[in-house]
C-alpha atoms as a PDB file:
ATOM      1  CA  MET A   1      -9.495 -24.864 -16.292  1.00  0.00           C
ATOM      2  CA  ARG A   2     -12.291 -23.510 -14.465  1.00  0.00           C
ATOM      3  CA  LYS A   3     -12.831 -19.723 -14.738  1.00  0.00           C
ATOM      4  CA  ILE A   4     -13.222 -17.861 -11.560  1.00  0.00           C
ATOM      5  CA  ARG A   5     -15.786 -14.769 -11.690  1.00  0.00           C
ATOM      6  CA  THR A   6     -15.085 -12.557  -8.899  1.00  0.00           C
ATOM      7  CA  THR A   7     -14.232  -9.059  -8.112  1.00  0.00           C
ATOM      8  CA  ARG A   8     -11.479 -10.296  -5.699  1.00  0.00           C
ATOM      9  CA  PRO A   9      -8.308 -12.307  -6.361  1.00  0.00           C
ATOM     10  CA  GLY A  10      -8.705 -15.695  -5.234  1.00  0.00           C
ATOM     11  CA  LEU A  11      -5.995 -18.362  -4.514  1.00  0.00           C
ATOM     12  CA  ALA A  12      -6.345 -19.900  -7.924  1.00  0.00           C
ATOM     13  CA  ALA A  13      -6.102 -16.649  -9.648  1.00  0.00           C
ATOM     14  CA  LEU A  14      -3.200 -15.690  -7.348  1.00  0.00           C
ATOM     15  CA  GLY A  15      -1.049 -18.884  -8.021  1.00  0.00           C
ATOM     16  CA  LEU A  16      -1.825 -18.337 -11.743  1.00  0.00           C
ATOM     17  CA  PHE A  17      -0.351 -14.724 -11.566  1.00  0.00           C
ATOM     18  CA  LEU A  18       2.787 -16.036  -9.804  1.00  0.00           C
ATOM     19  CA  ALA A  19       3.235 -18.829 -12.130  1.00  0.00           C
ATOM     20  CA  ALA A  20       3.091 -16.311 -15.087  1.00  0.00           C
ATOM     21  CA  ASN A  21       5.874 -14.162 -13.703  1.00  0.00           C
ATOM     22  CA  ALA A  22       7.839 -17.156 -12.887  1.00  0.00           C
ATOM     23  CA  ALA A  23       7.567 -18.499 -16.540  1.00  0.00           C
ATOM     24  CA  ALA A  24       8.515 -14.828 -17.678  1.00  0.00           C
ATOM     25  CA  GLN A  25      12.004 -15.376 -16.180  1.00  0.00           C
ATOM     26  CA  GLN A  26      12.625 -18.490 -18.599  1.00  0.00           C
ATOM     27  CA  PRO A  27      14.382 -16.984 -21.936  1.00  0.00           C
ATOM     28  CA  THR A  28      12.730 -19.678 -24.410  1.00  0.00           C
ATOM     29  CA  PRO A  29      10.273 -18.761 -26.745  1.00  0.00           C
ATOM     30  CA  LYS A  30       7.870 -21.091 -25.187  1.00  0.00           C
ATOM     31  CA  ALA A  31       8.000 -19.468 -22.048  1.00  0.00           C
ATOM     32  CA  ALA A  32       7.140 -16.372 -23.439  1.00  0.00           C
ATOM     33  CA  VAL A  33       3.995 -17.948 -25.117  1.00  0.00           C
ATOM     34  CA  ASP A  34       2.934 -19.323 -22.117  1.00  0.00           C
ATOM     35  CA  HIS A  35       3.255 -16.097 -20.023  1.00  0.00           C
ATOM     36  CA  GLN A  36       1.097 -14.224 -22.403  1.00  0.00           C
ATOM     37  CA  ALA A  37      -1.491 -17.214 -22.204  1.00  0.00           C
ATOM     38  CA  LEU A  38      -1.399 -17.249 -18.491  1.00  0.00           C
ATOM     39  CA  VAL A  39      -1.835 -13.507 -18.119  1.00  0.00           C
ATOM     40  CA  ALA A  40      -4.745 -13.625 -20.706  1.00  0.00           C
ATOM     41  CA  GLU A  41      -6.412 -16.311 -18.589  1.00  0.00           C
ATOM     42  CA  LEU A  42      -5.783 -14.451 -15.594  1.00  0.00           C
ATOM     43  CA  LYS A  43      -7.709 -11.393 -16.856  1.00  0.00           C
ATOM     44  CA  ASP A  44     -10.602 -13.429 -18.408  1.00  0.00           C
ATOM     45  CA  SER A  45     -11.048 -14.872 -14.539  1.00  0.00           C
ATOM     46  CA  PHE A  46     -12.216 -11.694 -13.442  1.00  0.00           C
ATOM     47  CA  VAL A  47     -14.960  -8.877 -14.371  1.00  0.00           C
ATOM     48  CA  GLU A  48     -15.298  -5.404 -13.977  1.00  0.00           C
ATOM     49  CA  ARG A  49     -17.646  -3.736 -11.279  1.00  0.00           C
ATOM     50  CA  GLY A  50     -18.246  -0.398 -10.264  1.00  0.00           C
ATOM     51  CA  LEU A  51     -14.933   0.947  -9.408  1.00  0.00           C
ATOM     52  CA  ALA A  52     -12.865  -2.207  -9.703  1.00  0.00           C
ATOM     53  CA  LYS A  53     -11.632  -2.273 -13.492  1.00  0.00           C
ATOM     54  CA  LEU A  54      -9.290  -4.793 -15.147  1.00  0.00           C
ATOM     55  CA  ASP A  55      -6.637  -2.408 -15.190  1.00  0.00           C
ATOM     56  CA  ARG A  56      -5.799  -3.012 -11.743  1.00  0.00           C
ATOM     57  CA  ILE A  57      -4.473  -6.356 -13.116  1.00  0.00           C
ATOM     58  CA  ASP A  58      -1.662  -4.584 -15.227  1.00  0.00           C
ATOM     59  CA  GLN A  59       1.406  -4.352 -13.406  1.00  0.00           C
ATOM     60  CA  SER A  60       4.022  -1.704 -13.312  1.00  0.00           C
ATOM     61  CA  THR A  61       7.681  -2.419 -13.868  1.00  0.00           C
ATOM     62  CA  MET A  62       8.204  -2.359  -9.998  1.00  0.00           C
ATOM     63  CA  GLN A  63       5.271  -4.692  -9.310  1.00  0.00           C
ATOM     64  CA  ARG A  64       6.418  -6.965 -11.723  1.00  0.00           C
ATOM     65  CA  ALA A  65       9.764  -7.297 -10.169  1.00  0.00           C
ATOM     66  CA  CYS A  66       8.256  -7.676  -6.893  1.00  0.00           C
ATOM     67  CA  SER A  67       6.073 -10.440  -8.120  1.00  0.00           C
ATOM     68  CA  ILE A  68       8.913 -12.349  -9.467  1.00  0.00           C
ATOM     69  CA  ALA A  69      11.023 -12.146  -6.270  1.00  0.00           C
ATOM     70  CA  ASP A  70       7.908 -13.319  -4.557  1.00  0.00           C
ATOM     71  CA  ALA A  71       7.362 -16.292  -7.045  1.00  0.00           C
ATOM     72  CA  GLY A  72      11.079 -17.656  -6.113  1.00  0.00           C
ATOM     73  CA  GLY A  73      13.114 -15.422  -8.329  1.00  0.00           C
ATOM     74  CA  GLU A  74      15.769 -13.285  -7.146  1.00  0.00           C
ATOM     75  CA  MET A  75      15.802  -9.560  -6.976  1.00  0.00           C
ATOM     76  CA  PRO A  76      19.227  -7.929  -7.985  1.00  0.00           C
ATOM     77  CA  ALA A  77      20.335  -5.474  -5.716  1.00  0.00           C
ATOM     78  CA  GLU A  78      20.416  -2.977  -8.388  1.00  0.00           C
ATOM     79  CA  THR A  79      16.532  -3.329  -8.904  1.00  0.00           C
ATOM     80  CA  ALA A  80      15.851  -3.096  -5.584  1.00  0.00           C
ATOM     81  CA  LEU A  81      17.925   0.097  -5.436  1.00  0.00           C
ATOM     82  CA  LYS A  82      16.287   1.614  -8.551  1.00  0.00           C
ATOM     83  CA  ILE A  83      12.807   0.757  -6.866  1.00  0.00           C
ATOM     84  CA  THR A  84      13.373   2.832  -3.848  1.00  0.00           C
ATOM     85  CA  GLN A  85      15.197   5.771  -5.794  1.00  0.00           C
ATOM     86  CA  GLU A  86      12.335   6.161  -8.295  1.00  0.00           C
ATOM     87  CA  ALA A  87       9.826   5.866  -5.732  1.00  0.00           C
ATOM     88  CA  ALA A  88      11.295   8.518  -3.310  1.00  0.00           C
ATOM     89  CA  ALA A  89      12.059  10.604  -6.308  1.00  0.00           C
ATOM     90  CA  ASN A  90       8.184  10.704  -7.042  1.00  0.00           C
ATOM     91  CA  VAL A  91       7.327  11.511  -3.526  1.00  0.00           C
ATOM     92  CA  LYS A  92       5.319  14.955  -3.256  1.00  0.00           C
ATOM     93  CA  PRO A  93       6.007  17.221  -0.330  1.00  0.00           C
ATOM     94  CA  PRO A  94       2.879  18.973   1.152  1.00  0.00           C
ATOM     95  CA  ALA A  95       2.111  21.852  -1.046  1.00  0.00           C
ATOM     96  CA  ASP A  96       2.282  24.535   1.690  1.00  0.00           C
ATOM     97  CA  GLY A  97       5.082  22.960   3.228  1.00  0.00           C
ATOM     98  CA  ASN A  98       3.209  21.814   6.347  1.00  0.00           C
ATOM     99  CA  TYR A  99       3.473  18.118   7.190  1.00  0.00           C
ATOM    100  CA  ILE A 100       1.254  18.123  10.322  1.00  0.00           C
ATOM    101  CA  GLY A 101      -2.785  18.108  10.284  1.00  0.00           C
ATOM    102  CA  ASP A 102      -5.261  17.175  12.923  1.00  0.00           C
ATOM    103  CA  TRP A 103      -4.695  14.031  14.687  1.00  0.00           C
ATOM    104  CA  ARG A 104      -8.504  13.554  15.479  1.00  0.00           C
ATOM    105  CA  GLN A 105      -9.355  13.403  11.861  1.00  0.00           C
ATOM    106  CA  GLY A 106      -6.230  11.132  11.374  1.00  0.00           C
ATOM    107  CA  GLU A 107      -7.714   8.689  13.846  1.00  0.00           C
ATOM    108  CA  LYS A 108     -10.926   8.502  11.717  1.00  0.00           C
ATOM    109  CA  VAL A 109      -8.806   7.846   8.590  1.00  0.00           C
ATOM    110  CA  ALA A 110      -7.045   5.210  10.349  1.00  0.00           C
ATOM    111  CA  GLN A 111     -10.395   3.630  11.485  1.00  0.00           C
ATOM    112  CA  ASN A 112     -11.917   3.889   8.013  1.00  0.00           C
ATOM    113  CA  GLY A 113     -11.358   0.820   5.666  1.00  0.00           C
ATOM    114  CA  ARG A 114     -13.893   2.050   2.900  1.00  0.00           C
ATOM    115  CA  GLY A 115     -12.808   3.117  -0.635  1.00  0.00           C
ATOM    116  CA  LEU A 116     -11.650   1.812  -4.119  1.00  0.00           C
ATOM    117  CA  GLN A 117     -14.214  -1.190  -3.834  1.00  0.00           C
ATOM    118  CA  PHE A 118     -16.508  -2.332  -6.414  1.00  0.00           C
ATOM    119  CA  SER A 119     -19.400  -1.241  -4.094  1.00  0.00           C
ATOM    120  CA  ASP A 120     -18.063   2.140  -3.600  1.00  0.00           C
ATOM    121  CA  THR A 121     -18.645   5.208  -5.699  1.00  0.00           C
ATOM    122  CA  ALA A 122     -16.574   8.167  -6.960  1.00  0.00           C
ATOM    123  CA  LYS A 123     -17.963  10.139  -4.115  1.00  0.00           C
ATOM    124  CA  THR A 124     -16.603   7.690  -1.360  1.00  0.00           C
ATOM    125  CA  ILE A 125     -14.254   9.068   0.998  1.00  0.00           C
ATOM    126  CA  ASN A 126     -11.181   6.533   1.203  1.00  0.00           C
ATOM    127  CA  GLY A 127      -9.658   5.521   4.339  1.00  0.00           C
ATOM    128  CA  GLY A 128      -6.326   4.180   5.440  1.00  0.00           C
ATOM    129  CA  ASN A 129      -7.758   1.298   7.311  1.00  0.00           C
ATOM    130  CA  CYS A 130      -4.322   1.385   9.166  1.00  0.00           C
ATOM    131  CA  TYR A 131      -5.492  -0.819  12.024  1.00  0.00           C
ATOM    132  CA  ALA A 132      -5.883  -3.822   9.663  1.00  0.00           C
ATOM    133  CA  CYS A 133      -2.092  -4.072   9.930  1.00  0.00           C
ATOM    134  CA  HIS A 134      -0.812  -1.943  12.921  1.00  0.00           C
ATOM    135  CA  GLN A 135      -1.315  -1.335  16.488  1.00  0.00           C
ATOM    136  CA  MET A 136      -1.753   2.293  16.944  1.00  0.00           C
ATOM    137  CA  THR A 137      -3.608   3.345  20.041  1.00  0.00           C
ATOM    138  CA  LYS A 138      -3.956   1.675  23.449  1.00  0.00           C
ATOM    139  CA  ALA A 139      -7.913   2.030  23.231  1.00  0.00           C
ATOM    140  CA  GLU A 140      -8.186   0.106  20.420  1.00  0.00           C
ATOM    141  CA  ILE A 141      -8.003  -3.835  21.274  1.00  0.00           C
ATOM    142  CA  SER A 142      -8.738  -5.282  17.730  1.00  0.00           C
ATOM    143  CA  PHE A 143      -5.783  -4.736  15.118  1.00  0.00           C
ATOM    144  CA  GLY A 144      -3.633  -6.545  12.689  1.00  0.00           C
ATOM    145  CA  ASN A 145      -0.101  -7.577  13.089  1.00  0.00           C
ATOM    146  CA  ILE A 146       1.080  -7.585   9.406  1.00  0.00           C
ATOM    147  CA  GLY A 147       2.990  -4.201  10.009  1.00  0.00           C
ATOM    148  CA  PRO A 148       4.809  -3.102  13.363  1.00  0.00           C
ATOM    149  CA  SER A 149       3.319  -1.499  16.043  1.00  0.00           C
ATOM    150  CA  LEU A 150       3.027   2.149  15.914  1.00  0.00           C
ATOM    151  CA  TYR A 151       1.596   2.632  19.528  1.00  0.00           C
ATOM    152  CA  GLN A 152       3.791   5.767  20.783  1.00  0.00           C
ATOM    153  CA  TYR A 153       5.228   6.141  17.215  1.00  0.00           C
ATOM    154  CA  GLY A 154       6.140   9.806  17.919  1.00  0.00           C
ATOM    155  CA  LYS A 155       7.067   9.099  21.757  1.00  0.00           C
ATOM    156  CA  LEU A 156       9.634   6.790  20.727  1.00  0.00           C
ATOM    157  CA  ARG A 157      11.198   8.447  17.687  1.00  0.00           C
ATOM    158  CA  GLY A 158      10.465  12.228  18.127  1.00  0.00           C
ATOM    159  CA  ASN A 159       9.111  14.515  15.576  1.00  0.00           C
ATOM    160  CA  GLY A 160      12.325  16.027  14.233  1.00  0.00           C
ATOM    161  CA  LYS A 161      12.919  17.131  10.343  1.00  0.00           C
ATOM    162  CA  GLU A 162      14.238  13.834   9.512  1.00  0.00           C
ATOM    163  CA  MET A 163      11.727  11.826  11.289  1.00  0.00           C
ATOM    164  CA  VAL A 164       8.890  13.921   9.699  1.00  0.00           C
ATOM    165  CA  ALA A 165      10.467  13.412   6.288  1.00  0.00           C
ATOM    166  CA  TYR A 166      10.933   9.936   6.651  1.00  0.00           C
ATOM    167  CA  THR A 167       7.361   9.110   7.879  1.00  0.00           C
ATOM    168  CA  TRP A 168       5.718  11.309   5.222  1.00  0.00           C
ATOM    169  CA  ASN A 169       7.971   9.281   2.448  1.00  0.00           C
ATOM    170  CA  LYS A 170       6.723   5.769   4.061  1.00  0.00           C
ATOM    171  CA  ILE A 171       2.882   7.065   4.330  1.00  0.00           C
ATOM    172  CA  TYR A 172       3.177   8.709   0.522  1.00  0.00           C
ATOM    173  CA  ASP A 173       5.137   5.693  -1.072  1.00  0.00           C
ATOM    174  CA  SER A 174       6.145   2.703   1.081  1.00  0.00           C
ATOM    175  CA  HIS A 175       8.412   1.548  -1.757  1.00  0.00           C
ATOM    176  CA  ALA A 176      10.647   4.778  -1.129  1.00  0.00           C
ATOM    177  CA  THR A 177      11.881   3.106   1.806  1.00  0.00           C
ATOM    178  CA  MET A 178      11.399  -0.600   1.371  1.00  0.00           C
ATOM    179  CA  PRO A 179      11.164  -2.252  -2.066  1.00  0.00           C
ATOM    180  CA  CYS A 180       8.141  -4.639  -2.271  1.00  0.00           C
ATOM    181  CA  SER A 181       6.686  -3.374   0.956  1.00  0.00           C
ATOM    182  CA  ASN A 182       3.181  -4.706   1.432  1.00  0.00           C
ATOM    183  CA  MET A 183       1.942  -1.006   2.524  1.00  0.00           C
ATOM    184  CA  PRO A 184      -0.207   0.495   0.306  1.00  0.00           C
ATOM    185  CA  ARG A 185       1.118   3.390  -1.642  1.00  0.00           C
ATOM    186  CA  PHE A 186      -1.467   5.916  -0.147  1.00  0.00           C
ATOM    187  CA  GLY A 187      -0.210   9.172  -1.784  1.00  0.00           C
ATOM    188  CA  ALA A 188       1.527   7.905  -4.973  1.00  0.00           C
ATOM    189  CA  ALA A 189      -1.620   5.649  -5.841  1.00  0.00           C
ATOM    190  CA  GLY A 190      -4.038   8.417  -4.961  1.00  0.00           C
ATOM    191  CA  ILE A 191      -5.741   6.407  -2.031  1.00  0.00           C
ATOM    192  CA  LEU A 192      -5.521   9.309   0.447  1.00  0.00           C
ATOM    193  CA  THR A 193      -5.804  13.180  -0.340  1.00  0.00           C
ATOM    194  CA  GLU A 194      -3.032  15.590   0.850  1.00  0.00           C
ATOM    195  CA  GLN A 195      -5.093  16.684   4.009  1.00  0.00           C
ATOM    196  CA  GLN A 196      -5.681  13.136   5.007  1.00  0.00           C
ATOM    197  CA  LEU A 197      -1.855  12.209   4.890  1.00  0.00           C
ATOM    198  CA  LYS A 198      -1.212  15.261   7.051  1.00  0.00           C
ATOM    199  CA  ASP A 199      -3.950  14.182   9.516  1.00  0.00           C
ATOM    200  CA  VAL A 200      -2.317  10.585   9.949  1.00  0.00           C
ATOM    201  CA  MET A 201       1.003  12.308  10.055  1.00  0.00           C
ATOM    202  CA  ALA A 202      -0.309  13.975  13.173  1.00  0.00           C
ATOM    203  CA  LEU A 203      -1.834  10.984  14.606  1.00  0.00           C
ATOM    204  CA  LEU A 204       1.620   9.634  14.598  1.00  0.00           C
ATOM    205  CA  LEU A 205       3.835  12.321  15.670  1.00  0.00           C
ATOM    206  CA  ASP A 206       1.569  14.988  17.494  1.00  0.00           C
ATOM    207  CA  PRO A 207       2.669  14.575  21.343  1.00  0.00           C
ATOM    208  CA  GLN A 208      -0.905  14.992  22.106  1.00  0.00           C
ATOM    209  CA  SER A 209      -2.585  12.165  19.631  1.00  0.00           C
ATOM    210  CA  ALA A 210      -3.949   9.169  20.983  1.00  0.00           C
ATOM    211  CA  VAL A 211      -1.028   7.358  19.644  1.00  0.00           C
ATOM    212  CA  ASN A 212       1.395   9.180  21.853  1.00  0.00           C
ATOM    213  CA  ASP A 213      -0.967  10.233  24.791  1.00  0.00           C
ATOM    214  CA  ASP A 214      -2.663   7.400  26.661  1.00  0.00           C
ATOM    215  CA  GLN A 215      -5.038   9.989  28.049  1.00  0.00           C
ATOM    216  CA  ALA A 216      -6.189  11.600  24.866  1.00  0.00           C
ATOM    217  CA  LYS A 217      -9.618  10.250  23.519  1.00  0.00           C
ATOM    218  CA  PRO A 218     -10.221  10.021  19.833  1.00  0.00           C
END
């Protein structure tokens, strides 16, 4: 098999990874050996560069369960429930109890796609890259649709205590509300700081934000 020397997972590596997890479902000793060999081959297809280290390939129990399900395996209901319960239990509320920051700063976080790439440094300020997956403001005409539209999020849902808590949990660790969600675990994975999380919360929930007020200018 030709080795893929890259810092980003290619289709061949992804197929190899899913195959490894699918093989892990088989109880035979041969499958266990094959799984180890496939994982070893996968790791040998990547090289460390800058902030991108090989430990990113190592899966948690939750990630492994999700990969098996994506490869065609069935996730038991109790496993899905355990994922959401464990994620929710590890969500950390703001230290000062204040969930809402500055929505203008939150818009900057939403627009910023930098961070955690091999070309970044430890001083790079990470962004949320929210527009890659969501529509958020009327002014932004380029956005992804992997996730649902968040336009007028707070206007439609309100900013009551329960909605504030739900939104924080979703941003902090998306698996707290949906197992195997594609959304990054911005708080749990240390992608965004607590203040950045507050600012994104303001962007979504503040009635005066560009998300909820068409007249607001970022």
